[in-house]
């Protein structure tokens, strides 16, 4: 996921995307604990996508209040 793609979305869309990524992160952690995780790189990718979305959401909120 690129930052430019995230910036094009509204806050509601970002919230929905963030919720989905957090669910995926939980499932990946569960798979890792049970030894069923095949794509270990996905954990890092999801974590970074979550951080990227949270950062851009915060930027949008600050810009809206200013």
Protein backbone atom coordinates (compact mmCIF):
# COMPACT_ATOMS: atom_id res chain seq x y z
CA UNK A 1 0.00 0.00 0.00
CA UNK A 2 1.43 3.35 -1.02
CA UNK A 3 1.02 6.55 0.96
CA UNK A 4 -0.48 8.28 -2.07
CA UNK A 5 -3.22 5.64 -2.20
CA UNK A 6 -3.95 6.13 1.48
CA UNK A 7 -4.06 9.93 1.20
CA UNK A 8 -6.72 9.68 -1.52
CA UNK A 9 -9.17 7.97 0.86
CA UNK A 10 -11.56 9.61 3.30
CA UNK A 11 -11.35 9.18 7.08
CA UNK A 12 -14.26 6.71 7.04
CA UNK A 13 -12.57 4.57 4.40
CA UNK A 14 -9.32 4.70 6.35
CA UNK A 15 -11.08 3.60 9.52
CA UNK A 16 -12.58 0.62 7.71
CA UNK A 17 -9.21 -0.27 6.19
CA UNK A 18 -7.52 0.03 9.58
CA UNK A 19 -10.07 -2.27 11.18
CA UNK A 20 -9.49 -4.88 8.49
CA UNK A 21 -5.72 -4.69 8.87
CA UNK A 22 -5.93 -5.09 12.63
CA UNK A 23 -8.05 -8.22 12.18
CA UNK A 24 -5.53 -9.55 9.69
CA UNK A 25 -2.70 -8.77 12.11
CA UNK A 26 -4.48 -10.74 14.83
CA UNK A 27 -4.97 -13.70 12.49
CA UNK A 28 -1.31 -13.60 11.47
CA UNK A 29 -0.19 -13.57 15.11
CA UNK A 30 -2.48 -16.53 15.79
CA UNK A 31 -1.04 -18.44 12.81
CA UNK A 32 2.48 -17.71 14.00
CA UNK A 33 1.71 -19.01 17.48
CA UNK A 34 0.29 -22.25 16.09
CA UNK A 35 3.11 -22.71 13.58
CA UNK A 36 0.88 -22.32 10.52
CA UNK A 37 2.28 -19.03 9.23
CA UNK A 38 3.81 -19.40 5.78
CA UNK A 39 4.37 -15.81 4.64
CA UNK A 40 6.33 -14.27 7.51
CA UNK A 41 6.96 -11.05 5.57
CA UNK A 42 3.26 -10.27 5.62
CA UNK A 43 3.44 -9.57 9.37
CA UNK A 44 5.87 -6.72 8.81
CA UNK A 45 3.93 -5.40 5.83
CA UNK A 46 0.65 -5.30 7.77
CA UNK A 47 2.31 -3.61 10.74
CA UNK A 48 3.73 -0.89 8.50
CA UNK A 49 0.42 -0.40 6.68
CA UNK A 50 -1.32 0.09 10.03
CA UNK A 51 1.24 2.71 11.06
CA UNK A 52 0.95 4.44 7.68
CA UNK A 53 -2.83 4.67 7.92
CA UNK A 54 -2.74 5.93 11.51
CA UNK A 55 -0.21 8.61 10.59
CA UNK A 56 -2.22 9.87 7.64
CA UNK A 57 -5.45 9.80 9.65
CA UNK A 58 -3.79 11.97 12.28
CA UNK A 59 -2.49 14.37 9.61
CA UNK A 60 -6.00 14.72 8.19
CA UNK A 61 -7.52 15.37 11.62
CA UNK A 62 -4.92 18.02 12.42
CA UNK A 63 -5.44 19.69 9.04
CA UNK A 64 -9.20 19.71 9.54
CA UNK A 65 -8.98 21.31 12.97
CA UNK A 66 -6.50 23.98 11.87
